[in-house]
N, C-alpha and C. Protein backbone atom coordinates (compact mmCIF):
# COMPACT_ATOMS: atom_id res chain seq x y z
N MET A 1 47.75 7.38 22.15
CA MET A 1 46.72 7.83 21.92
C MET A 1 47.46 9.25 21.82
N THR A 2 47.28 10.29 20.36
CA THR A 2 47.83 11.02 21.09
C THR A 2 46.42 12.42 21.80
N THR A 3 47.53 13.53 22.27
CA THR A 3 46.24 15.22 22.79
C THR A 3 46.46 16.13 22.00
N SER A 4 45.58 17.07 21.94
CA SER A 4 46.36 18.11 21.44
C SER A 4 46.82 19.07 22.26
N SER A 5 47.41 19.76 22.60
CA SER A 5 48.38 20.89 22.98
C SER A 5 47.75 21.71 23.82
N PRO A 6 47.76 22.24 24.86
CA PRO A 6 46.90 23.50 25.03
C PRO A 6 46.64 24.81 24.36
N PRO A 7 47.63 24.93 23.82
CA PRO A 7 47.38 25.93 22.75
C PRO A 7 46.99 25.72 21.49
N GLU A 8 47.10 24.71 21.18
CA GLU A 8 46.07 23.63 19.93
C GLU A 8 44.95 23.33 20.57
N ARG A 9 44.06 23.56 22.54
CA ARG A 9 43.22 23.25 22.26
C ARG A 9 42.51 24.67 22.82
N GLN A 10 43.25 25.93 23.12
CA GLN A 10 42.71 27.41 22.78
C GLN A 10 42.03 27.60 21.10
N THR A 11 43.36 27.35 20.80
CA THR A 11 42.94 27.76 19.22
C THR A 11 41.58 26.92 18.83
N ALA A 12 41.34 25.85 19.36
CA ALA A 12 40.03 25.29 18.37
C ALA A 12 38.98 25.82 19.26
N ARG A 13 39.07 26.28 20.51
CA ARG A 13 37.85 27.03 21.70
C ARG A 13 37.76 28.05 21.07
N THR A 14 38.63 28.89 20.50
CA THR A 14 38.38 30.22 20.19
C THR A 14 37.84 30.02 18.77
N ARG A 15 38.21 29.08 17.61
CA ARG A 15 37.61 29.04 16.67
C ARG A 15 35.88 28.41 16.67
N GLU A 16 35.47 27.55 17.60
CA GLU A 16 34.38 27.35 17.25
C GLU A 16 33.72 28.56 18.05
N ARG A 17 34.41 29.28 19.07
CA ARG A 17 33.29 30.52 19.52
C ARG A 17 32.97 31.30 18.28
N ILE A 18 34.02 31.92 17.56
CA ILE A 18 34.04 32.57 16.30
C ILE A 18 32.70 31.80 15.20
N VAL A 19 33.13 31.01 15.25
CA VAL A 19 32.17 30.16 14.40
C VAL A 19 30.56 30.30 14.59
N THR A 20 30.28 29.98 16.18
CA THR A 20 29.21 30.24 16.98
C THR A 20 28.63 31.45 16.97
N THR A 21 29.52 32.27 17.27
CA THR A 21 28.58 33.64 17.52
C THR A 21 28.22 34.22 16.12
N ALA A 22 29.16 33.39 14.88
CA ALA A 22 28.77 34.00 13.57
C ALA A 22 27.36 33.66 13.00
N LEU A 23 27.59 32.25 13.66
CA LEU A 23 25.74 31.80 13.28
C LEU A 23 24.99 32.57 13.44
N GLU A 24 24.83 32.56 14.90
CA GLU A 24 23.65 33.66 15.12
C GLU A 24 23.84 35.22 14.16
N GLN A 25 24.82 35.84 14.32
CA GLN A 25 24.76 36.66 13.73
C GLN A 25 23.88 36.49 12.36
N PHE A 26 24.94 35.94 11.34
CA PHE A 26 24.25 35.47 9.97
C PHE A 26 23.01 35.31 10.15
N LEU A 27 22.20 34.27 10.83
CA LEU A 27 21.17 34.00 11.04
C LEU A 27 19.82 35.00 11.34
N SER A 28 20.09 36.11 12.33
CA SER A 28 19.24 37.30 12.82
C SER A 28 19.23 38.10 11.45
N ALA A 29 20.38 38.58 10.88
CA ALA A 29 20.81 39.92 10.28
C ALA A 29 20.87 39.11 8.85
N GLY A 30 21.37 37.97 8.59
CA GLY A 30 21.72 37.64 6.91
C GLY A 30 22.95 37.70 6.85
N PHE A 31 24.15 37.29 6.03
CA PHE A 31 25.14 37.15 5.95
C PHE A 31 25.76 38.39 5.43
N SER A 32 25.10 38.85 4.17
CA SER A 32 25.86 39.82 3.50
C SER A 32 25.51 41.26 4.49
N ILE A 33 25.04 41.45 5.25
CA ILE A 33 24.97 42.77 6.64
C ILE A 33 25.94 42.36 7.28
N VAL A 34 25.92 41.01 8.00
CA VAL A 34 27.16 41.19 8.98
C VAL A 34 28.29 40.98 8.36
N THR A 35 29.29 42.18 9.00
CA THR A 35 30.50 42.71 8.49
C THR A 35 31.82 41.93 9.52
N MET A 36 32.86 41.80 9.04
CA MET A 36 33.83 41.42 9.96
C MET A 36 33.93 42.18 11.13
N ASP A 37 34.25 43.90 11.09
CA ASP A 37 33.81 44.40 11.97
C ASP A 37 33.10 44.28 12.89
N ASP A 38 31.84 44.22 12.84
CA ASP A 38 30.66 43.61 13.46
C ASP A 38 31.06 42.41 14.22
N LEU A 39 31.38 40.87 13.70
CA LEU A 39 31.96 40.26 14.53
C LEU A 39 33.03 40.06 15.64
N ALA A 40 33.96 40.67 15.35
CA ALA A 40 35.01 41.15 15.62
C ALA A 40 34.27 41.86 17.09
N ARG A 41 33.86 42.71 17.01
CA ARG A 41 33.30 43.67 18.04
C ARG A 41 32.38 43.36 19.05
N GLU A 42 31.21 41.76 18.29
CA GLU A 42 30.58 40.76 19.33
C GLU A 42 31.16 39.95 20.21
N LEU A 43 32.22 39.40 19.64
CA LEU A 43 33.37 38.90 20.21
C LEU A 43 34.70 39.24 21.12
N GLY A 44 34.67 40.38 21.02
CA GLY A 44 35.65 41.60 21.82
C GLY A 44 37.06 40.59 21.83
N MET A 45 37.16 40.94 20.27
CA MET A 45 38.42 40.42 19.68
C MET A 45 38.95 42.04 19.05
N SER A 46 40.29 41.57 18.60
CA SER A 46 40.87 42.48 17.54
C SER A 46 40.36 41.49 15.97
N LYS A 47 40.00 42.49 15.01
CA LYS A 47 39.79 42.33 13.68
C LYS A 47 41.14 41.16 13.20
N LYS A 48 42.58 41.72 13.47
CA LYS A 48 43.09 41.18 12.68
C LYS A 48 43.76 39.57 13.51
N THR A 49 43.25 39.19 14.85
CA THR A 49 42.84 37.95 15.57
C THR A 49 41.71 37.15 14.24
N LEU A 50 40.22 37.52 14.42
CA LEU A 50 39.82 37.10 13.88
C LEU A 50 40.17 36.28 11.99
N TYR A 51 40.68 37.39 11.30
CA TYR A 51 41.20 37.05 10.10
C TYR A 51 42.49 35.77 10.13
N GLU A 52 43.21 36.19 11.41
CA GLU A 52 43.96 34.73 11.52
C GLU A 52 43.34 33.55 11.31
N HIS A 53 42.36 33.31 11.91
CA HIS A 53 41.59 32.23 11.73
C HIS A 53 40.79 31.98 11.07
N PHE A 54 39.73 32.91 10.19
CA PHE A 54 39.20 33.09 9.39
C PHE A 54 39.97 34.00 7.97
N PRO A 55 40.60 34.02 6.72
CA PRO A 55 41.05 34.85 6.48
C PRO A 55 39.75 35.52 5.35
N HIS A 56 38.63 35.51 5.00
CA HIS A 56 37.76 35.49 4.24
C HIS A 56 36.16 35.21 5.02
N LYS A 57 35.37 36.25 4.83
CA LYS A 57 33.72 36.03 5.49
C LYS A 57 33.03 34.85 4.90
N LEU A 58 34.07 34.80 3.12
CA LEU A 58 32.90 33.13 2.83
C LEU A 58 33.61 31.99 3.66
N ASP A 59 34.94 32.05 4.24
CA ASP A 59 35.46 31.03 5.18
C ASP A 59 34.61 30.65 5.68
N LEU A 60 34.17 31.45 7.01
CA LEU A 60 33.12 31.72 7.63
C LEU A 60 31.93 30.83 7.58
N LEU A 61 31.46 31.61 6.77
CA LEU A 61 30.08 31.03 6.41
C LEU A 61 29.94 29.44 6.24
N ARG A 62 30.81 29.40 5.66
CA ARG A 62 31.03 27.58 4.97
C ARG A 62 31.62 27.42 6.19
N ALA A 63 31.78 27.58 7.32
CA ALA A 63 32.53 27.69 8.69
C ALA A 63 30.77 27.11 9.54
N THR A 64 30.25 27.77 9.46
CA THR A 64 29.01 27.74 10.42
C THR A 64 27.85 26.76 9.60
N THR A 65 28.18 26.57 8.22
CA THR A 65 27.24 25.31 7.62
C THR A 65 27.86 24.11 8.03
N GLU A 66 29.28 24.02 7.70
CA GLU A 66 29.96 22.70 8.37
C GLU A 66 28.79 22.34 10.18
N LEU A 67 28.76 23.73 10.23
CA LEU A 67 28.46 23.12 12.11
C LEU A 67 27.19 22.72 12.28
N ARG A 68 26.44 23.47 11.21
CA ARG A 68 24.89 23.00 11.68
C ARG A 68 24.63 21.71 10.65
N ASN A 69 24.94 21.56 10.02
CA ASN A 69 24.92 19.87 8.68
C ASN A 69 25.42 19.17 10.13
N GLU A 70 26.89 19.31 10.66
CA GLU A 70 27.44 18.05 11.93
C GLU A 70 26.43 18.70 12.71
N ALA A 71 25.48 18.84 13.25
CA ALA A 71 24.46 19.33 14.28
C ALA A 71 23.15 17.75 14.01
N TRP A 72 23.07 18.57 12.98
CA TRP A 72 21.85 17.33 12.12
C TRP A 72 21.51 16.64 12.11
N ARG A 73 23.39 16.10 11.36
CA ARG A 73 24.17 15.01 10.98
C ARG A 73 23.88 14.18 12.65
N LYS A 74 24.08 14.64 13.54
CA LYS A 74 24.82 13.79 14.86
C LYS A 74 23.10 13.31 15.21
N GLU A 75 22.25 14.39 15.65
CA GLU A 75 21.01 14.21 16.12
C GLU A 75 20.33 13.28 14.98
N LEU A 76 20.33 13.26 13.92
CA LEU A 76 19.24 12.39 12.88
C LEU A 76 20.48 10.68 13.19
N SER A 77 21.00 11.25 12.86
CA SER A 77 21.89 9.38 13.33
C SER A 77 21.20 8.57 14.39
N SER A 78 21.51 9.94 15.82
CA SER A 78 21.53 9.30 17.05
C SER A 78 19.71 8.62 17.32
N ILE A 79 18.95 9.41 16.56
CA ILE A 79 17.56 8.72 16.66
C ILE A 79 17.79 7.21 15.76
N LYS A 80 18.37 7.87 14.69
CA LYS A 80 18.00 6.69 13.66
C LYS A 80 18.63 5.45 14.49
N ALA A 81 20.34 5.13 14.84
CA ALA A 81 20.26 4.40 16.63
C ALA A 81 19.20 3.85 17.03
N GLU A 82 18.48 4.40 17.77
CA GLU A 82 17.49 4.36 18.50
C GLU A 82 16.48 2.90 17.94
N ARG A 83 15.83 2.34 19.59
CA ARG A 83 14.79 0.98 18.96
C ARG A 83 13.63 1.76 18.86
N LEU A 84 13.46 2.23 17.95
CA LEU A 84 11.66 2.84 17.54
C LEU A 84 11.47 2.47 16.41
N ASP A 85 9.93 2.31 16.95
CA ASP A 85 9.04 1.52 15.48
C ASP A 85 9.02 2.90 14.72
N PHE A 86 8.29 2.52 13.54
CA PHE A 86 8.33 4.25 12.51
C PHE A 86 8.02 5.25 13.27
N PHE A 87 6.90 5.48 13.94
CA PHE A 87 6.28 6.33 14.43
C PHE A 87 6.64 6.90 15.53
N GLY A 88 7.21 6.40 15.99
CA GLY A 88 8.17 6.94 16.78
C GLY A 88 9.27 7.61 16.55
N ARG A 89 10.20 6.93 15.57
CA ARG A 89 11.78 7.83 14.95
C ARG A 89 10.70 9.40 14.13
N ALA A 90 9.85 8.40 13.21
CA ALA A 90 9.01 9.78 12.81
C ALA A 90 8.96 10.73 13.73
N ARG A 91 8.13 10.91 14.56
CA ARG A 91 8.05 11.86 15.45
C ARG A 91 9.39 12.60 15.92
N LYS A 92 10.31 12.33 16.21
CA LYS A 92 11.77 12.02 16.75
C LYS A 92 12.66 13.06 15.53
N THR A 93 11.98 12.24 14.82
CA THR A 93 12.81 12.89 13.62
C THR A 93 12.29 14.44 13.03
N PHE A 94 11.56 14.55 12.69
CA PHE A 94 10.54 15.74 12.60
C PHE A 94 10.29 16.53 13.66
N ALA A 95 10.75 16.31 14.92
CA ALA A 95 10.43 17.42 15.96
C ALA A 95 12.09 17.57 15.76
N SER A 96 12.88 17.14 15.30
CA SER A 96 14.18 17.11 15.22
C SER A 96 14.36 18.72 14.20
N ILE A 97 13.66 18.45 13.14
CA ILE A 97 14.20 18.96 12.18
C ILE A 97 13.01 20.16 11.82
N SER A 98 11.98 20.74 13.13
CA SER A 98 11.05 21.67 12.40
C SER A 98 12.00 22.17 13.84
N ARG A 99 12.67 21.61 14.80
CA ARG A 99 13.38 22.66 15.74
C ARG A 99 14.25 23.24 14.97
N MET A 100 15.26 22.75 14.40
CA MET A 100 16.40 22.94 13.01
C MET A 100 16.06 24.48 12.08
N TYR A 101 14.53 24.35 11.77
CA TYR A 101 13.89 24.66 10.98
C TYR A 101 13.77 26.33 12.00
N SER A 102 13.01 25.96 12.83
CA SER A 102 12.89 27.33 13.98
C SER A 102 13.90 28.50 13.54
N ARG A 103 15.13 28.15 13.64
CA ARG A 103 16.38 29.09 13.84
C ARG A 103 16.55 29.68 12.92
N LEU A 104 15.33 29.14 11.51
CA LEU A 104 16.31 30.14 9.97
C LEU A 104 15.95 31.04 9.77
N THR A 105 15.45 31.99 9.32
CA THR A 105 15.17 33.15 8.66
C THR A 105 14.96 33.42 7.58
N PRO A 106 13.88 34.38 6.70
CA PRO A 106 13.82 34.83 5.16
C PRO A 106 15.08 35.68 4.85
N ALA A 107 15.81 36.56 5.61
CA ALA A 107 16.36 36.62 5.19
C ALA A 107 18.22 35.86 5.30
N TYR A 108 18.19 35.54 6.20
CA TYR A 108 19.01 33.72 6.13
C TYR A 108 19.64 33.19 4.57
N LEU A 109 18.27 32.74 4.40
CA LEU A 109 18.16 31.88 3.55
C LEU A 109 18.51 33.14 1.64
N THR A 110 17.69 33.78 1.79
CA THR A 110 17.08 34.89 0.62
C THR A 110 18.53 35.52 0.03
N ASP A 111 20.03 35.69 1.57
CA ASP A 111 20.77 36.05 1.20
C ASP A 111 21.62 35.02 0.70
N LEU A 112 21.65 33.68 0.75
CA LEU A 112 22.59 32.65 0.98
C LEU A 112 22.17 32.47 -0.74
N ARG A 113 21.12 32.57 -1.25
CA ARG A 113 20.77 31.47 -2.11
C ARG A 113 21.30 32.99 -3.47
N ARG A 114 21.46 34.27 -2.86
CA ARG A 114 21.61 35.05 -3.82
C ARG A 114 23.32 35.55 -4.14
N ASN A 115 24.04 35.53 -2.75
CA ASN A 115 24.97 36.10 -2.54
C ASN A 115 26.31 35.29 -2.02
N ALA A 116 26.10 33.93 -1.75
CA ALA A 116 27.22 32.64 -1.68
C ALA A 116 26.25 31.70 -2.40
N PRO A 117 26.34 31.74 -3.62
CA PRO A 117 25.74 30.38 -4.22
C PRO A 117 26.05 29.24 -3.89
N ALA A 118 27.66 29.21 -4.29
CA ALA A 118 28.61 28.08 -3.99
C ALA A 118 28.13 27.48 -2.45
N VAL A 119 28.21 27.95 -1.52
CA VAL A 119 27.69 27.35 0.02
C VAL A 119 25.86 27.39 -0.34
N TRP A 120 25.19 27.50 -0.43
CA TRP A 120 24.01 27.59 -1.27
C TRP A 120 23.96 26.06 -1.55
N ALA A 121 24.89 25.70 -2.33
CA ALA A 121 24.85 24.55 -3.48
C ALA A 121 25.45 23.68 -2.43
N GLU A 122 26.35 23.87 -1.71
CA GLU A 122 27.04 22.77 -0.71
C GLU A 122 25.72 22.49 0.52
N ILE A 123 24.90 22.71 0.59
CA ILE A 123 23.91 23.09 1.85
C ILE A 123 22.18 22.31 0.85
N GLN A 124 22.44 22.26 -0.23
CA GLN A 124 21.54 21.70 -1.26
C GLN A 124 21.79 20.23 -1.08
N ALA A 125 23.03 20.02 -1.67
CA ALA A 125 24.26 18.68 -1.46
C ALA A 125 23.84 17.80 -0.32
N PHE A 126 24.18 18.63 0.80
CA PHE A 126 23.83 17.68 1.89
C PHE A 126 22.15 17.17 2.32
N ARG A 127 21.20 18.04 1.92
CA ARG A 127 19.82 17.82 1.50
C ARG A 127 19.92 16.79 0.55
N ARG A 128 20.04 16.26 -0.15
CA ARG A 128 20.35 15.51 -1.45
C ARG A 128 21.04 13.87 -1.06
N ASP A 129 22.26 14.48 -0.45
CA ASP A 129 22.83 12.94 0.13
C ASP A 129 21.92 12.51 1.34
N PHE A 130 22.56 13.10 2.62
CA PHE A 130 22.18 12.62 3.96
C PHE A 130 20.60 12.91 4.50
N VAL A 131 20.36 14.10 4.19
CA VAL A 131 18.39 13.99 4.68
C VAL A 131 17.95 13.35 3.24
N ARG A 132 18.21 12.63 2.06
CA ARG A 132 17.44 11.85 1.48
C ARG A 132 18.20 10.70 1.99
N GLN A 133 18.77 10.17 2.35
CA GLN A 133 19.05 8.85 2.65
C GLN A 133 18.39 8.42 3.82
N HIS A 134 18.33 9.22 4.96
CA HIS A 134 17.12 8.96 6.25
C HIS A 134 15.97 8.99 6.17
N MET A 135 15.71 9.95 5.17
CA MET A 135 14.29 10.24 4.95
C MET A 135 13.89 8.34 3.75
N LEU A 136 14.67 8.11 3.09
CA LEU A 136 14.61 6.63 2.18
C LEU A 136 14.22 5.75 3.57
N ASP A 137 15.30 5.66 4.49
CA ASP A 137 15.29 4.64 5.86
C ASP A 137 14.38 4.90 6.22
N LEU A 138 13.40 5.94 7.09
CA LEU A 138 12.50 6.42 7.45
C LEU A 138 11.21 5.63 6.59
N LEU A 139 10.81 5.54 5.28
CA LEU A 139 9.83 5.37 4.25
C LEU A 139 10.03 3.71 4.44
N LYS A 140 11.35 3.24 4.19
CA LYS A 140 11.26 1.95 3.95
C LYS A 140 10.68 1.09 5.67
N GLN A 141 11.63 1.87 6.35
CA GLN A 141 10.79 1.18 7.87
C GLN A 141 9.48 1.47 7.95
N GLY A 142 9.10 1.91 7.47
CA GLY A 142 7.20 2.05 7.65
C GLY A 142 6.49 1.37 6.80
N VAL A 143 7.11 1.33 5.11
CA VAL A 143 6.77 0.10 4.53
C VAL A 143 7.04 -1.14 5.48
N ALA A 144 7.78 -1.64 5.41
CA ALA A 144 8.14 -2.81 6.49
C ALA A 144 7.33 -3.42 7.21
N GLN A 145 7.26 -2.45 8.52
CA GLN A 145 6.29 -2.48 9.69
C GLN A 145 4.53 -2.64 9.14
N GLY A 146 4.84 -2.54 7.85
CA GLY A 146 3.44 -2.30 7.88
C GLY A 146 1.93 -1.20 7.31
N VAL A 147 3.02 -0.12 7.79
CA VAL A 147 1.87 1.39 7.83
C VAL A 147 2.43 2.04 7.36
N LEU A 148 3.21 2.36 6.28
CA LEU A 148 2.82 2.62 4.91
C LEU A 148 2.67 2.08 4.24
N ARG A 149 2.38 3.15 2.65
CA ARG A 149 1.53 1.83 1.53
C ARG A 149 2.99 1.64 1.42
N LYS A 150 2.53 0.69 0.29
CA LYS A 150 4.14 -0.34 -0.53
C LYS A 150 4.05 -0.20 -2.12
N ASP A 151 2.58 0.49 -2.16
CA ASP A 151 2.20 0.61 -3.40
C ASP A 151 2.64 2.36 -4.41
N LEU A 152 3.50 3.01 -3.23
CA LEU A 152 4.31 3.99 -4.08
C LEU A 152 5.77 3.58 -4.21
N ASP A 153 6.32 4.66 -5.14
CA ASP A 153 7.98 4.79 -5.35
C ASP A 153 8.45 5.45 -4.20
N LEU A 154 9.73 4.66 -3.38
CA LEU A 154 9.98 5.95 -2.19
C LEU A 154 10.90 6.64 -2.50
N ASP A 155 11.66 6.20 -4.03
CA ASP A 155 12.59 7.57 -4.12
C ASP A 155 11.65 8.60 -4.68
N THR A 156 11.16 8.21 -5.36
CA THR A 156 10.20 9.19 -5.74
C THR A 156 9.00 9.95 -4.82
N LEU A 157 9.15 9.20 -3.58
CA LEU A 157 7.89 9.64 -2.16
C LEU A 157 9.10 10.95 -1.86
N VAL A 158 10.73 10.53 -1.95
CA VAL A 158 11.47 11.48 -0.71
C VAL A 158 12.04 12.26 -1.76
N ARG A 159 12.34 12.74 -3.09
CA ARG A 159 12.11 13.65 -4.12
C ARG A 159 11.17 14.70 -4.03
N LEU A 160 10.22 14.31 -3.64
CA LEU A 160 8.97 15.20 -3.27
C LEU A 160 8.74 15.88 -1.68
N TYR A 161 9.45 15.35 -1.09
CA TYR A 161 9.65 15.84 0.31
C TYR A 161 10.49 16.66 0.27
N LEU A 162 12.14 16.79 -0.58
CA LEU A 162 13.13 17.28 -0.23
C LEU A 162 12.36 18.65 -1.42
N THR A 163 11.65 18.17 -2.51
CA THR A 163 11.17 19.47 -3.12
C THR A 163 10.42 20.37 -2.82
N MET A 164 8.77 19.55 -1.64
CA MET A 164 8.65 20.49 -1.18
C MET A 164 9.11 21.49 0.40
N THR A 165 9.77 20.65 0.88
CA THR A 165 10.81 21.63 1.86
C THR A 165 11.62 22.47 1.51
N SER A 166 12.17 22.36 0.49
CA SER A 166 13.25 23.81 -0.46
C SER A 166 11.85 24.96 -0.25
N ALA A 167 11.04 24.60 -1.58
CA ALA A 167 10.15 25.23 -1.71
C ALA A 167 9.77 25.93 -0.81
N LEU A 168 9.28 25.61 0.74
CA LEU A 168 8.90 26.15 1.84
C LEU A 168 9.93 26.86 2.29
N LEU A 169 11.02 26.76 1.64
CA LEU A 169 12.23 27.45 2.89
C LEU A 169 12.45 28.51 2.02
N ASN A 170 11.86 29.06 0.32
CA ASN A 170 12.41 30.32 -0.22
C ASN A 170 11.06 30.90 -0.68
N PRO A 171 11.31 31.77 0.40
CA PRO A 171 10.19 33.21 0.81
C PRO A 171 9.62 33.20 -0.69
N GLU A 172 10.30 33.88 -1.81
CA GLU A 172 9.83 33.97 -2.79
C GLU A 172 8.57 32.78 -3.59
N VAL A 173 8.69 31.75 -2.78
CA VAL A 173 8.09 30.58 -3.91
C VAL A 173 6.87 30.71 -2.46
N SER A 174 6.87 30.55 -1.52
CA SER A 174 6.04 30.14 -0.37
C SER A 174 5.65 31.34 0.30
N GLY A 175 6.04 32.61 0.13
CA GLY A 175 5.16 33.30 0.86
C GLY A 175 5.96 33.82 2.08
N TRP A 176 7.01 32.98 2.69
CA TRP A 176 7.38 33.41 3.86
C TRP A 176 8.21 34.81 4.15
N VAL A 177 7.43 35.26 5.10
CA VAL A 177 8.07 36.58 5.31
C VAL A 177 8.68 37.21 6.58
N PRO A 178 9.00 37.87 6.65
CA PRO A 178 10.64 37.64 7.91
C PRO A 178 9.10 38.23 9.56
N GLY A 179 9.71 37.33 10.43
CA GLY A 179 8.80 37.64 11.54
C GLY A 179 7.94 36.18 11.95
N GLU A 180 7.82 35.47 11.06
CA GLU A 180 6.38 34.21 10.70
C GLU A 180 7.14 33.33 10.75
N PRO A 181 6.91 32.75 11.86
CA PRO A 181 7.70 31.18 12.20
C PRO A 181 7.51 30.27 11.23
N ILE A 182 8.59 29.22 10.57
CA ILE A 182 8.29 28.37 9.47
C ILE A 182 7.81 26.71 10.07
N SER A 183 8.04 26.79 10.94
CA SER A 183 8.00 25.22 11.86
C SER A 183 5.97 25.19 11.45
N PRO A 184 5.25 26.00 12.02
CA PRO A 184 4.31 25.71 12.02
C PRO A 184 3.73 25.65 10.05
N LEU A 185 4.44 25.44 9.37
CA LEU A 185 4.11 25.37 7.97
C LEU A 185 4.90 24.41 7.71
N PHE A 186 6.31 24.00 8.19
CA PHE A 186 6.04 22.51 7.97
C PHE A 186 6.31 21.60 8.33
N GLU A 187 5.53 21.86 9.32
CA GLU A 187 4.59 20.41 10.80
C GLU A 187 2.80 19.57 9.98
N THR A 188 2.49 21.67 9.20
CA THR A 188 1.64 20.70 8.77
C THR A 188 1.49 19.95 6.78
N PHE A 189 2.41 20.86 6.33
CA PHE A 189 3.18 19.50 5.35
C PHE A 189 3.76 18.26 6.09
N VAL A 190 4.03 18.28 6.78
CA VAL A 190 5.01 16.76 7.02
C VAL A 190 3.14 15.93 7.37
N ARG A 191 2.28 16.93 7.86
CA ARG A 191 1.51 16.12 8.48
C ARG A 191 0.11 15.13 7.09
N VAL A 192 0.18 16.32 6.02
CA VAL A 192 -0.31 15.96 4.63
C VAL A 192 0.23 14.96 3.80
N TYR A 193 1.32 15.43 4.25
CA TYR A 193 2.35 14.37 3.34
C TYR A 193 2.43 12.76 3.90
N PHE A 194 2.54 12.74 5.37
CA PHE A 194 1.97 11.32 5.25
C PHE A 194 0.70 11.12 5.40
N GLU A 195 -0.79 11.71 5.25
CA GLU A 195 -1.81 11.64 5.74
C GLU A 195 -2.05 10.12 3.85
N GLY A 196 -1.49 10.79 3.26
CA GLY A 196 -1.75 9.48 2.01
C GLY A 196 -1.11 8.36 2.25
N LEU A 197 0.16 8.70 2.70
CA LEU A 197 0.70 7.38 2.98
C LEU A 197 0.23 6.05 4.00
N ILE A 198 -0.06 6.61 5.09
CA ILE A 198 -0.62 6.03 5.98
C ILE A 198 -1.48 4.60 6.02
N THR A 199 -1.35 3.52 6.20
CA THR A 199 -1.96 2.29 5.98
C THR A 199 -3.32 2.28 6.80
N GLU A 200 -4.23 1.73 6.79
CA GLU A 200 -5.41 1.26 7.58
C GLU A 200 -4.88 1.05 8.87
N SER A 201 -4.34 -0.19 9.11
CA SER A 201 -2.90 -0.94 9.90
C SER A 201 -2.22 0.26 11.43
N GLY A 202 -1.64 1.11 10.24
CA GLY A 202 -1.19 2.45 10.52
C GLY A 202 -2.18 3.35 11.18
N ARG A 203 -3.04 3.34 10.84
CA ARG A 203 -4.08 4.23 11.35
C ARG A 203 -4.50 4.26 12.74
N LYS A 204 -5.02 2.63 13.21
CA LYS A 204 -5.06 2.08 14.03
C LYS A 204 -4.31 1.86 14.86
N HIS A 205 -2.98 1.70 14.18
CA HIS A 205 -1.82 1.96 15.63
C HIS A 205 -1.56 3.69 15.71
N LEU A 206 -2.07 4.78 15.12
CA LEU A 206 -2.32 6.07 15.71
C LEU A 206 -3.23 6.33 16.64
N LYS A 207 -4.31 5.26 16.25
CA LYS A 207 -5.56 5.68 17.42
C LYS A 207 -5.27 5.27 18.56
N GLU A 208 -5.03 3.60 18.38
CA GLU A 208 -4.78 2.91 19.48
C GLU A 208 -3.33 4.00 20.18
N SER A 209 -2.08 4.59 19.99
CA SER A 209 -1.29 5.06 20.88
C SER A 209 -1.75 6.72 21.22
N LYS A 210 -2.98 6.93 20.65
CA LYS A 210 -3.44 8.27 21.29
C LYS A 210 -4.72 8.27 22.38
N SER A 211 -5.28 6.99 22.34
CA SER A 211 -6.33 6.86 23.42
C SER A 211 -5.30 6.44 24.74
């Protein structure tokens, strides 16, 4: 088994610190507003050192996106691996997504769409692939357990979910304003979304689990 050398580990730690700090700054202020000078000052390092790790700010933005996607992938995959019924898995899944969404801001998302379209396209591709498959698996489990209706096309339901959550995260569509938490909007949508999908058996199960 190969192990990394101390210099390689130090480089990896430095890179991780840069990406983590950049993500916090981008989320709070927006990608375009935060400069490499700002980040170097926040990190307490020279701009030369910062550019050695990330020659372009777009490279750094892409690294922060990969960090978020990987965290999301790990958490949802961990939930999927647990031995949970549909409702248990659904609660954990949407609690996780709600936490992820709670860190987002209108400034960050609007900035990405307008000024980093290539990175925005990568984020949408991740949602279409990984998130789509996770949602599809969740709905299939609900149908198999008899708690979700089986007369509706699951692919269409997943597309509806992705379309509506994309609209929620678009301030120009949803009216989401700075300072307003997105989690309550998302949680309301999820409740309404599943209200029409749950069978009578599923409603009975929910009622019993709450009593």
